[in-house]
Amino acid sequence: MSPIDGSAPWPTILIRLLVGGVFVSEGIQKFLYPEFVGAGRFERIGLPAPDVLAPMVGIAEIVFGAMVLVGLYTRIAVIPLLLIMAVAILSTKIPILLGRPWGPFALRSVDYYGFFGMAHASRNDLAMVVGSLFLLFVGPCRFSVDAIRSASANKNNHR
């Protein structure tokens, strides 16, 4: 991995804005619409302690999504977001792939099941995973708090 010096190509900011923006939005929605995307959804999925877990996930999405948006500790910030996405895929998309509940996770109603049903339902999840992995490996780009901090540290080291 390259150092956090902003050496990633400038279009990386587009990936940061997409990933960070989606996570911040989803986190806020867990509080605005808890029945649909917060505790109510977590309960329908079969996740444990939905009244505790959903707000925790919402806060994590807002905080770490905002960090990605501004490029603050970007590589660290995407790690918990990747964990959130892993749980989302395991708990909601594997049942669609199998066409039946999987362990404690309920099967939601979709138009069709199997690989293509799962692939269709996973579009957003997969985009967030790939975008987050990209940021993990490439870093935030020069238009970021990380790059400003790195430039400031380098300037102070050369005095």
C-alpha atoms as a PDB file:
ATOM      1  CA  MET A   1       0.000   0.000   0.000  1.00  0.00           C
ATOM      2  CA  SER A   2       1.180   3.482  -0.779  1.00  0.00           C
ATOM      3  CA  PRO A   3       1.579   5.969   2.039  1.00  0.00           C
ATOM      4  CA  ILE A   4      -1.274   8.325   2.851  1.00  0.00           C
ATOM      5  CA  ASP A   5       0.219  11.102   0.755  1.00  0.00           C
ATOM      6  CA  GLY A   6      -2.577  11.789  -1.680  1.00  0.00           C
ATOM      7  CA  SER A   7      -0.785  10.047  -4.547  1.00  0.00           C
ATOM      8  CA  ALA A   8      -3.932   8.241  -5.710  1.00  0.00           C
ATOM      9  CA  PRO A   9      -5.315   9.611  -9.006  1.00  0.00           C
ATOM     10  CA  TRP A  10      -7.656  12.584  -8.591  1.00  0.00           C
ATOM     11  CA  PRO A  11     -10.793  10.775  -9.906  1.00  0.00           C
ATOM     12  CA  THR A  12     -10.569   8.750  -6.682  1.00  0.00           C
ATOM     13  CA  ILE A  13     -12.576  11.572  -5.121  1.00  0.00           C
ATOM     14  CA  LEU A  14     -15.579  10.359  -7.143  1.00  0.00           C
ATOM     15  CA  ILE A  15     -15.358   6.936  -5.490  1.00  0.00           C
ATOM     16  CA  ARG A  16     -14.968   8.600  -2.079  1.00  0.00           C
ATOM     17  CA  LEU A  17     -18.030  10.788  -2.654  1.00  0.00           C
ATOM     18  CA  LEU A  18     -20.105   7.821  -3.806  1.00  0.00           C
ATOM     19  CA  VAL A  19     -19.087   5.452  -1.005  1.00  0.00           C
ATOM     20  CA  GLY A  20     -19.136   8.068   1.747  1.00  0.00           C
ATOM     21  CA  GLY A  21     -22.369   9.647   0.530  1.00  0.00           C
ATOM     22  CA  VAL A  22     -24.246   6.355   0.331  1.00  0.00           C
ATOM     23  CA  PHE A  23     -23.132   5.267   3.804  1.00  0.00           C
ATOM     24  CA  VAL A  24     -23.973   8.632   5.407  1.00  0.00           C
ATOM     25  CA  SER A  25     -27.391   8.593   3.739  1.00  0.00           C
ATOM     26  CA  GLU A  26     -28.110   5.008   4.793  1.00  0.00           C
ATOM     27  CA  GLY A  27     -27.018   5.762   8.363  1.00  0.00           C
ATOM     28  CA  ILE A  28     -29.327   8.780   8.600  1.00  0.00           C
ATOM     29  CA  GLN A  29     -32.220   6.774   7.160  1.00  0.00           C
ATOM     30  CA  LYS A  30     -31.865   4.171   9.913  1.00  0.00           C
ATOM     31  CA  PHE A  31     -32.999   6.921  12.312  1.00  0.00           C
ATOM     32  CA  LEU A  32     -35.540   8.626  10.022  1.00  0.00           C
ATOM     33  CA  TYR A  33     -37.250   5.419   8.876  1.00  0.00           C
ATOM     34  CA  PRO A  34     -36.448   2.773  11.516  1.00  0.00           C
ATOM     35  CA  GLU A  35     -39.337   0.496  10.522  1.00  0.00           C
ATOM     36  CA  PHE A  36     -38.129   0.273   6.930  1.00  0.00           C
ATOM     37  CA  VAL A  37     -34.307   0.386   7.126  1.00  0.00           C
ATOM     38  CA  GLY A  38     -33.512   0.420  10.854  1.00  0.00           C
ATOM     39  CA  ALA A  39     -34.603  -1.766  13.758  1.00  0.00           C
ATOM     40  CA  GLY A  40     -37.765  -2.965  11.992  1.00  0.00           C
ATOM     41  CA  ARG A  41     -35.791  -4.230   9.015  1.00  0.00           C
ATOM     42  CA  PHE A  42     -33.090  -5.734  11.233  1.00  0.00           C
ATOM     43  CA  GLU A  43     -35.787  -7.642  13.126  1.00  0.00           C
ATOM     44  CA  ARG A  44     -37.395  -8.928   9.900  1.00  0.00           C
ATOM     45  CA  ILE A  45     -33.989 -10.064   8.632  1.00  0.00           C
ATOM     46  CA  GLY A  46     -33.328 -12.002  11.835  1.00  0.00           C
ATOM     47  CA  LEU A  47     -30.446  -9.967  13.245  1.00  0.00           C
ATOM     48  CA  PRO A  48     -30.049 -10.105  17.040  1.00  0.00           C
ATOM     49  CA  ALA A  49     -31.023  -7.167  19.308  1.00  0.00           C
ATOM     50  CA  PRO A  50     -32.325  -5.033  16.433  1.00  0.00           C
ATOM     51  CA  ASP A  51     -33.223  -2.091  18.706  1.00  0.00           C
ATOM     52  CA  VAL A  52     -29.569  -1.876  19.765  1.00  0.00           C
ATOM     53  CA  LEU A  53     -27.810  -3.077  16.621  1.00  0.00           C
ATOM     54  CA  ALA A  54     -29.606  -0.852  14.084  1.00  0.00           C
ATOM     55  CA  PRO A  55     -28.737   2.462  15.803  1.00  0.00           C
ATOM     56  CA  MET A  56     -25.142   1.275  16.304  1.00  0.00           C
ATOM     57  CA  VAL A  57     -24.860   0.443  12.608  1.00  0.00           C
ATOM     58  CA  GLY A  58     -26.509   3.759  11.713  1.00  0.00           C
ATOM     59  CA  ILE A  59     -24.014   5.722  13.802  1.00  0.00           C
ATOM     60  CA  ALA A  60     -21.106   3.753  12.319  1.00  0.00           C
ATOM     61  CA  GLU A  61     -22.361   4.410   8.779  1.00  0.00           C
ATOM     62  CA  ILE A  62     -22.686   8.143   9.476  1.00  0.00           C
ATOM     63  CA  VAL A  63     -19.322   8.540  11.226  1.00  0.00           C
ATOM     64  CA  PHE A  64     -17.194   6.336   8.972  1.00  0.00           C
ATOM     65  CA  GLY A  65     -19.079   7.449   5.846  1.00  0.00           C
ATOM     66  CA  ALA A  66     -18.350  11.092   6.733  1.00  0.00           C
ATOM     67  CA  MET A  67     -14.686  10.215   7.274  1.00  0.00           C
ATOM     68  CA  VAL A  68     -14.591   8.688   3.789  1.00  0.00           C
ATOM     69  CA  LEU A  69     -16.363  11.745   2.323  1.00  0.00           C
ATOM     70  CA  VAL A  70     -13.700  14.158   3.590  1.00  0.00           C
ATOM     71  CA  GLY A  71     -10.832  11.692   3.259  1.00  0.00           C
ATOM     72  CA  LEU A  72      -9.951  11.415   6.948  1.00  0.00           C
ATOM     73  CA  TYR A  73      -8.213   8.146   7.864  1.00  0.00           C
ATOM     74  CA  THR A  74      -9.841   6.811   4.713  1.00  0.00           C
ATOM     75  CA  ARG A  75      -8.181   3.402   4.691  1.00  0.00           C
ATOM     76  CA  ILE A  76      -9.130   2.799   8.313  1.00  0.00           C
ATOM     77  CA  ALA A  77     -12.669   4.172   7.878  1.00  0.00           C
ATOM     78  CA  VAL A  78     -13.568   1.715   5.118  1.00  0.00           C
ATOM     79  CA  ILE A  79     -12.768  -1.346   7.252  1.00  0.00           C
ATOM     80  CA  PRO A  80     -15.872  -1.153   9.494  1.00  0.00           C
ATOM     81  CA  LEU A  81     -17.934  -0.262   6.419  1.00  0.00           C
ATOM     82  CA  LEU A  82     -16.697  -3.448   4.733  1.00  0.00           C
ATOM     83  CA  LEU A  83     -17.721  -5.423   7.825  1.00  0.00           C
ATOM     84  CA  ILE A  84     -21.200  -3.864   7.683  1.00  0.00           C
ATOM     85  CA  MET A  85     -21.462  -4.846   4.022  1.00  0.00           C
ATOM     86  CA  ALA A  86     -20.299  -8.399   4.744  1.00  0.00           C
ATOM     87  CA  VAL A  87     -23.068  -8.809   7.329  1.00  0.00           C
ATOM     88  CA  ALA A  88     -25.597  -7.243   4.943  1.00  0.00           C
ATOM     89  CA  ILE A  89     -24.673  -9.652   2.159  1.00  0.00           C
ATOM     90  CA  LEU A  90     -24.600 -12.714   4.408  1.00  0.00           C
ATOM     91  CA  SER A  91     -27.874 -11.881   6.137  1.00  0.00           C
ATOM     92  CA  THR A  92     -29.934 -10.671   3.179  1.00  0.00           C
ATOM     93  CA  LYS A  93     -28.418 -11.921  -0.068  1.00  0.00           C
ATOM     94  CA  ILE A  94     -27.435 -15.501   0.792  1.00  0.00           C
ATOM     95  CA  PRO A  95     -31.086 -16.406   1.537  1.00  0.00           C
ATOM     96  CA  ILE A  96     -32.036 -14.990  -1.881  1.00  0.00           C
ATOM     97  CA  LEU A  97     -29.290 -17.050  -3.519  1.00  0.00           C
ATOM     98  CA  LEU A  98     -30.509 -20.198  -1.751  1.00  0.00           C
ATOM     99  CA  GLY A  99     -34.205 -19.384  -2.182  1.00  0.00           C
ATOM    100  CA  ARG A 100     -34.869 -20.175   1.487  1.00  0.00           C
ATOM    101  CA  PRO A 101     -34.041 -18.853   4.966  1.00  0.00           C
ATOM    102  CA  TRP A 102     -30.416 -19.351   5.917  1.00  0.00           C
ATOM    103  CA  GLY A 103     -29.684 -19.974   9.593  1.00  0.00           C
ATOM    104  CA  PRO A 104     -31.393 -17.186  11.556  1.00  0.00           C
ATOM    105  CA  PHE A 105     -31.778 -15.012   8.442  1.00  0.00           C
ATOM    106  CA  ALA A 106     -35.201 -14.697   6.841  1.00  0.00           C
ATOM    107  CA  LEU A 107     -35.929 -14.916   3.138  1.00  0.00           C
ATOM    108  CA  ARG A 108     -37.449 -11.699   1.823  1.00  0.00           C
ATOM    109  CA  SER A 109     -39.806 -11.554  -1.085  1.00  0.00           C
ATOM    110  CA  VAL A 110     -38.149 -10.772  -4.417  1.00  0.00           C
ATOM    111  CA  ASP A 111     -39.307 -11.368  -7.978  1.00  0.00           C
ATOM    112  CA  TYR A 112     -36.966 -14.334  -8.464  1.00  0.00           C
ATOM    113  CA  TYR A 113     -34.410 -16.302  -6.465  1.00  0.00           C
ATOM    114  CA  GLY A 114     -31.116 -18.022  -7.194  1.00  0.00           C
ATOM    115  CA  PHE A 115     -27.947 -16.479  -8.586  1.00  0.00           C
ATOM    116  CA  PHE A 116     -29.623 -13.837 -10.752  1.00  0.00           C
ATOM    117  CA  GLY A 117     -32.054 -12.828  -8.023  1.00  0.00           C
ATOM    118  CA  MET A 118     -29.138 -12.437  -5.627  1.00  0.00           C
ATOM    119  CA  ALA A 119     -27.031 -10.584  -8.221  1.00  0.00           C
ATOM    120  CA  HIS A 120     -29.876  -8.149  -8.887  1.00  0.00           C
ATOM    121  CA  ALA A 121     -30.559  -7.552  -5.183  1.00  0.00           C
ATOM    122  CA  SER A 122     -26.814  -7.132  -4.496  1.00  0.00           C
ATOM    123  CA  ARG A 123     -26.028  -4.331  -6.956  1.00  0.00           C
ATOM    124  CA  ASN A 124     -25.706  -1.573  -4.352  1.00  0.00           C
ATOM    125  CA  ASP A 125     -23.973  -3.837  -1.826  1.00  0.00           C
ATOM    126  CA  LEU A 126     -21.392  -4.996  -4.354  1.00  0.00           C
ATOM    127  CA  ALA A 127     -20.741  -1.434  -5.548  1.00  0.00           C
ATOM    128  CA  MET A 128     -20.110  -0.353  -1.950  1.00  0.00           C
ATOM    129  CA  VAL A 129     -17.787  -3.320  -1.340  1.00  0.00           C
ATOM    130  CA  VAL A 130     -15.768  -2.708  -4.514  1.00  0.00           C
ATOM    131  CA  GLY A 131     -15.610   1.053  -3.884  1.00  0.00           C
ATOM    132  CA  SER A 132     -14.522   0.493  -0.287  1.00  0.00           C
ATOM    133  CA  LEU A 133     -11.870  -2.039  -1.332  1.00  0.00           C
ATOM    134  CA  PHE A 134     -10.606   0.416  -3.938  1.00  0.00           C
ATOM    135  CA  LEU A 135     -10.212   3.104  -1.260  1.00  0.00           C
ATOM    136  CA  LEU A 136      -8.560   0.621   1.104  1.00  0.00           C
ATOM    137  CA  PHE A 137      -5.886  -0.221  -1.469  1.00  0.00           C
ATOM    138  CA  VAL A 138      -5.484   3.091  -3.319  1.00  0.00           C
ATOM    139  CA  GLY A 139      -6.094   5.677  -0.605  1.00  0.00           C
ATOM    140  CA  PRO A 140      -8.017   8.935  -0.624  1.00  0.00           C
ATOM    141  CA  CYS A 141      -6.319  11.154  -3.354  1.00  0.00           C
ATOM    142  CA  ARG A 142      -4.801  14.612  -2.991  1.00  0.00           C
ATOM    143  CA  PHE A 143      -8.178  16.277  -2.343  1.00  0.00           C
ATOM    144  CA  SER A 144      -8.522  14.880   1.171  1.00  0.00           C
ATOM    145  CA  VAL A 145      -7.823  15.628   4.809  1.00  0.00           C
ATOM    146  CA  ASP A 146      -5.360  12.712   4.777  1.00  0.00           C
ATOM    147  CA  ALA A 147      -3.324  14.379   1.994  1.00  0.00           C
ATOM    148  CA  ILE A 148      -3.360  17.744   3.793  1.00  0.00           C
ATOM    149  CA  ARG A 149      -2.205  16.092   7.017  1.00  0.00           C
ATOM    150  CA  SER A 150       0.537  14.199   5.179  1.00  0.00           C
ATOM    151  CA  ALA A 151       1.756  17.342   3.382  1.00  0.00           C
ATOM    152  CA  SER A 152       1.799  19.254   6.673  1.00  0.00           C
ATOM    153  CA  ALA A 153       3.739  16.468   8.394  1.00  0.00           C
ATOM    154  CA  ASN A 154       6.255  16.321   5.530  1.00  0.00           C
ATOM    155  CA  LYS A 155       6.675  20.103   5.627  1.00  0.00           C
ATOM    156  CA  ASN A 156       7.341  20.003   9.380  1.00  0.00           C
ATOM    157  CA  ASN A 157       9.835  17.138   8.965  1.00  0.00           C
ATOM    158  CA  HIS A 158      11.884  19.113   6.422  1.00  0.00           C
ATOM    159  CA  ARG A 159      12.386  22.119   8.687  1.00  0.00           C
END
